[in-house]
Amino acid sequence: MNRKFYVYILHSYKDKGLYIGFTNNLKRRLTEHANGKVTATHLRTPVKLIHYEYFINEADAKAREKFLKSGYGRQQLKAFLKETFSN
């Protein structure tokens, strides 16, 4: 069985903040964000997908999400995507 898991990062045009999430259906989840159906981002729309990672193991994906949400993870992410943020 080919299961897919995604960790994704959204950038809010409204408050310039980041949202880091996890899903097993990226297309559906992005549609939910765009339509204001996600409590954590409905007041922060519009949002743009700026990065995602694909995993075949759910535990690995959840661990990556947790790391990116940590202080060091966010710091590393901002350094990694510095050109994205400069535009």
N, C-alpha and C. Protein backbone atom coordinates (compact mmCIF):
# COMPACT_ATOMS: atom_id res chain seq x y z
N MET A 1 0.84 -1.18 0.00
CA MET A 1 0.00 0.00 0.00
C MET A 1 0.88 1.25 0.00
N ASN A 2 0.56 2.18 -0.87
CA ASN A 2 1.36 3.39 -1.02
C ASN A 2 0.68 4.55 -0.31
N ARG A 3 1.02 4.75 0.95
CA ARG A 3 0.45 5.85 1.72
C ARG A 3 1.34 7.07 1.58
N LYS A 4 0.71 8.23 1.57
CA LYS A 4 1.45 9.48 1.40
C LYS A 4 1.14 10.42 2.56
N PHE A 5 2.16 11.09 3.03
CA PHE A 5 2.01 12.06 4.11
C PHE A 5 2.82 13.30 3.74
N TYR A 6 2.28 14.44 4.08
CA TYR A 6 2.91 15.70 3.72
C TYR A 6 3.04 16.61 4.93
N VAL A 7 4.15 17.30 5.00
CA VAL A 7 4.33 18.41 5.92
C VAL A 7 4.42 19.62 5.00
N TYR A 8 3.63 20.65 5.31
CA TYR A 8 3.56 21.79 4.41
C TYR A 8 3.66 23.10 5.19
N ILE A 9 4.08 24.13 4.48
CA ILE A 9 4.25 25.44 5.09
C ILE A 9 3.50 26.46 4.25
N LEU A 10 2.65 27.20 4.92
CA LEU A 10 1.89 28.27 4.28
C LEU A 10 2.40 29.61 4.77
N HIS A 11 2.35 30.59 3.90
CA HIS A 11 2.71 31.96 4.26
C HIS A 11 1.45 32.81 4.13
N SER A 12 1.14 33.55 5.18
CA SER A 12 -0.05 34.39 5.19
C SER A 12 0.28 35.75 4.56
N TYR A 13 -0.50 36.13 3.56
CA TYR A 13 -0.36 37.46 2.98
C TYR A 13 -0.84 38.52 3.97
N LYS A 14 -1.75 38.15 4.83
CA LYS A 14 -2.37 39.10 5.75
C LYS A 14 -1.43 39.50 6.88
N ASP A 15 -0.86 38.53 7.59
CA ASP A 15 0.00 38.85 8.74
C ASP A 15 1.46 38.48 8.53
N LYS A 16 1.80 37.99 7.35
CA LYS A 16 3.18 37.62 6.98
C LYS A 16 3.74 36.46 7.81
N GLY A 17 2.88 35.78 8.56
CA GLY A 17 3.31 34.66 9.39
C GLY A 17 3.30 33.34 8.65
N LEU A 18 3.84 32.33 9.31
CA LEU A 18 3.90 30.99 8.75
C LEU A 18 2.92 30.07 9.46
N TYR A 19 2.42 29.09 8.73
CA TYR A 19 1.61 28.02 9.30
C TYR A 19 2.25 26.72 8.84
N ILE A 20 2.52 25.83 9.77
CA ILE A 20 3.12 24.54 9.46
C ILE A 20 2.09 23.46 9.78
N GLY A 21 1.84 22.59 8.81
CA GLY A 21 0.82 21.57 9.01
C GLY A 21 1.23 20.21 8.48
N PHE A 22 0.37 19.24 8.74
CA PHE A 22 0.57 17.85 8.36
C PHE A 22 -0.73 17.34 7.77
N THR A 23 -0.66 16.53 6.71
CA THR A 23 -1.86 15.96 6.12
C THR A 23 -1.50 14.72 5.30
N ASN A 24 -2.52 13.94 4.99
CA ASN A 24 -2.33 12.81 4.07
C ASN A 24 -2.96 13.10 2.71
N ASN A 25 -3.51 14.31 2.55
CA ASN A 25 -4.11 14.73 1.27
C ASN A 25 -3.85 16.23 1.10
N LEU A 26 -2.75 16.55 0.46
CA LEU A 26 -2.32 17.94 0.37
C LEU A 26 -3.30 18.80 -0.41
N LYS A 27 -3.78 18.31 -1.52
CA LYS A 27 -4.70 19.10 -2.36
C LYS A 27 -5.97 19.46 -1.59
N ARG A 28 -6.56 18.48 -0.91
CA ARG A 28 -7.78 18.72 -0.13
C ARG A 28 -7.51 19.72 0.99
N ARG A 29 -6.38 19.55 1.68
CA ARG A 29 -6.07 20.42 2.81
C ARG A 29 -5.83 21.87 2.36
N LEU A 30 -5.17 22.05 1.23
CA LEU A 30 -4.95 23.41 0.73
C LEU A 30 -6.27 24.07 0.34
N THR A 31 -7.19 23.29 -0.21
CA THR A 31 -8.52 23.81 -0.54
C THR A 31 -9.25 24.22 0.73
N GLU A 32 -9.13 23.43 1.79
CA GLU A 32 -9.75 23.78 3.07
C GLU A 32 -9.19 25.10 3.61
N HIS A 33 -7.87 25.26 3.53
CA HIS A 33 -7.26 26.51 3.97
C HIS A 33 -7.78 27.68 3.13
N ALA A 34 -7.80 27.52 1.82
CA ALA A 34 -8.23 28.60 0.92
C ALA A 34 -9.68 29.01 1.16
N ASN A 35 -10.51 28.05 1.54
CA ASN A 35 -11.93 28.31 1.76
C ASN A 35 -12.24 28.72 3.20
N GLY A 36 -11.22 28.93 4.02
CA GLY A 36 -11.43 29.38 5.39
C GLY A 36 -12.00 28.33 6.32
N LYS A 37 -11.81 27.05 5.99
CA LYS A 37 -12.38 25.97 6.80
C LYS A 37 -11.41 25.42 7.84
N VAL A 38 -10.24 26.01 7.98
CA VAL A 38 -9.26 25.58 8.97
C VAL A 38 -9.18 26.67 10.04
N THR A 39 -9.55 26.31 11.25
CA THR A 39 -9.63 27.29 12.35
C THR A 39 -8.33 28.07 12.52
N ALA A 40 -7.21 27.40 12.42
CA ALA A 40 -5.92 28.05 12.67
C ALA A 40 -5.55 29.11 11.63
N THR A 41 -6.14 29.04 10.44
CA THR A 41 -5.76 30.00 9.40
C THR A 41 -6.93 30.80 8.83
N HIS A 42 -8.14 30.56 9.26
CA HIS A 42 -9.27 31.22 8.60
C HIS A 42 -9.24 32.74 8.74
N LEU A 43 -8.62 33.26 9.78
CA LEU A 43 -8.50 34.71 9.92
C LEU A 43 -7.22 35.25 9.28
N ARG A 44 -6.40 34.36 8.74
CA ARG A 44 -5.10 34.75 8.19
C ARG A 44 -5.04 34.65 6.67
N THR A 45 -6.17 34.34 6.04
CA THR A 45 -6.20 34.19 4.58
C THR A 45 -6.13 35.55 3.91
N PRO A 46 -5.60 35.60 2.71
CA PRO A 46 -5.17 34.48 1.89
C PRO A 46 -3.79 33.95 2.31
N VAL A 47 -3.58 32.69 2.01
CA VAL A 47 -2.30 32.04 2.30
C VAL A 47 -1.75 31.42 1.02
N LYS A 48 -0.44 31.22 1.01
CA LYS A 48 0.23 30.65 -0.15
C LYS A 48 1.12 29.50 0.30
N LEU A 49 1.07 28.40 -0.41
CA LEU A 49 1.96 27.27 -0.15
C LEU A 49 3.36 27.67 -0.59
N ILE A 50 4.32 27.62 0.34
CA ILE A 50 5.69 28.00 -0.01
C ILE A 50 6.66 26.83 0.07
N HIS A 51 6.23 25.73 0.70
CA HIS A 51 7.12 24.57 0.83
C HIS A 51 6.31 23.37 1.27
N TYR A 52 6.68 22.19 0.76
CA TYR A 52 6.11 20.96 1.30
C TYR A 52 7.12 19.84 1.16
N GLU A 53 6.96 18.84 2.02
CA GLU A 53 7.81 17.66 2.01
C GLU A 53 6.91 16.43 2.00
N TYR A 54 7.32 15.42 1.27
CA TYR A 54 6.55 14.19 1.11
C TYR A 54 7.22 13.05 1.88
N PHE A 55 6.41 12.27 2.56
CA PHE A 55 6.91 11.14 3.35
C PHE A 55 6.08 9.90 3.06
N ILE A 56 6.69 8.73 3.16
CA ILE A 56 5.94 7.48 3.04
C ILE A 56 5.64 6.88 4.41
N ASN A 57 6.17 7.51 5.46
CA ASN A 57 5.97 7.03 6.82
C ASN A 57 5.33 8.13 7.66
N GLU A 58 4.19 7.85 8.26
CA GLU A 58 3.46 8.85 9.04
C GLU A 58 4.26 9.37 10.23
N ALA A 59 4.93 8.48 10.94
CA ALA A 59 5.70 8.89 12.11
C ALA A 59 6.82 9.86 11.73
N ASP A 60 7.49 9.60 10.61
CA ASP A 60 8.54 10.50 10.14
C ASP A 60 7.97 11.88 9.80
N ALA A 61 6.82 11.90 9.16
CA ALA A 61 6.18 13.17 8.79
C ALA A 61 5.79 13.96 10.05
N LYS A 62 5.22 13.29 11.01
CA LYS A 62 4.81 13.97 12.25
C LYS A 62 6.02 14.49 13.02
N ALA A 63 7.10 13.74 13.00
CA ALA A 63 8.33 14.18 13.67
C ALA A 63 8.90 15.42 12.98
N ARG A 64 8.85 15.44 11.66
CA ARG A 64 9.33 16.60 10.91
C ARG A 64 8.47 17.83 11.20
N GLU A 65 7.15 17.65 11.23
CA GLU A 65 6.25 18.75 11.56
C GLU A 65 6.57 19.31 12.94
N LYS A 66 6.75 18.42 13.90
CA LYS A 66 7.06 18.85 15.27
C LYS A 66 8.37 19.63 15.31
N PHE A 67 9.38 19.14 14.58
CA PHE A 67 10.66 19.84 14.54
C PHE A 67 10.51 21.22 13.93
N LEU A 68 9.81 21.32 12.81
CA LEU A 68 9.66 22.62 12.15
C LEU A 68 8.89 23.61 13.00
N LYS A 69 8.03 23.13 13.87
CA LYS A 69 7.28 24.01 14.75
C LYS A 69 8.10 24.44 15.96
N SER A 70 9.23 23.80 16.19
CA SER A 70 10.09 24.17 17.31
C SER A 70 10.84 25.45 16.99
N GLY A 71 11.40 26.07 17.99
CA GLY A 71 12.16 27.31 17.79
C GLY A 71 13.32 27.12 16.82
N TYR A 72 14.09 26.07 17.02
CA TYR A 72 15.23 25.82 16.14
C TYR A 72 14.75 25.47 14.73
N GLY A 73 13.68 24.71 14.64
CA GLY A 73 13.15 24.33 13.34
C GLY A 73 12.68 25.53 12.54
N ARG A 74 11.97 26.45 13.20
CA ARG A 74 11.51 27.67 12.51
C ARG A 74 12.70 28.53 12.08
N GLN A 75 13.71 28.60 12.94
CA GLN A 75 14.92 29.37 12.61
C GLN A 75 15.59 28.77 11.37
N GLN A 76 15.72 27.45 11.34
CA GLN A 76 16.34 26.77 10.22
C GLN A 76 15.51 26.96 8.95
N LEU A 77 14.20 26.90 9.10
CA LEU A 77 13.29 27.07 7.97
C LEU A 77 13.42 28.47 7.37
N LYS A 78 13.46 29.48 8.20
CA LYS A 78 13.59 30.85 7.71
C LYS A 78 14.93 31.05 7.00
N ALA A 79 15.98 30.41 7.49
CA ALA A 79 17.28 30.51 6.82
C ALA A 79 17.25 29.78 5.48
N PHE A 80 16.60 28.63 5.44
CA PHE A 80 16.50 27.81 4.24
C PHE A 80 15.69 28.52 3.15
N LEU A 81 14.66 29.24 3.56
CA LEU A 81 13.77 29.91 2.61
C LEU A 81 14.00 31.43 2.56
N LYS A 82 15.20 31.88 2.85
CA LYS A 82 15.46 33.32 2.95
C LYS A 82 15.18 34.05 1.64
N GLU A 83 15.43 33.46 0.50
CA GLU A 83 15.14 34.11 -0.78
C GLU A 83 13.63 34.22 -0.98
N THR A 84 12.88 33.25 -0.54
CA THR A 84 11.42 33.29 -0.63
C THR A 84 10.89 34.47 0.17
N PHE A 85 11.43 34.68 1.35
CA PHE A 85 10.97 35.76 2.21
C PHE A 85 11.45 37.13 1.76
N SER A 86 12.51 37.19 0.97
CA SER A 86 13.03 38.49 0.51
C SER A 86 12.21 39.05 -0.64
N ASN A 87 11.41 38.21 -1.26
CA ASN A 87 10.58 38.66 -2.41
C ASN A 87 9.27 39.22 -1.97
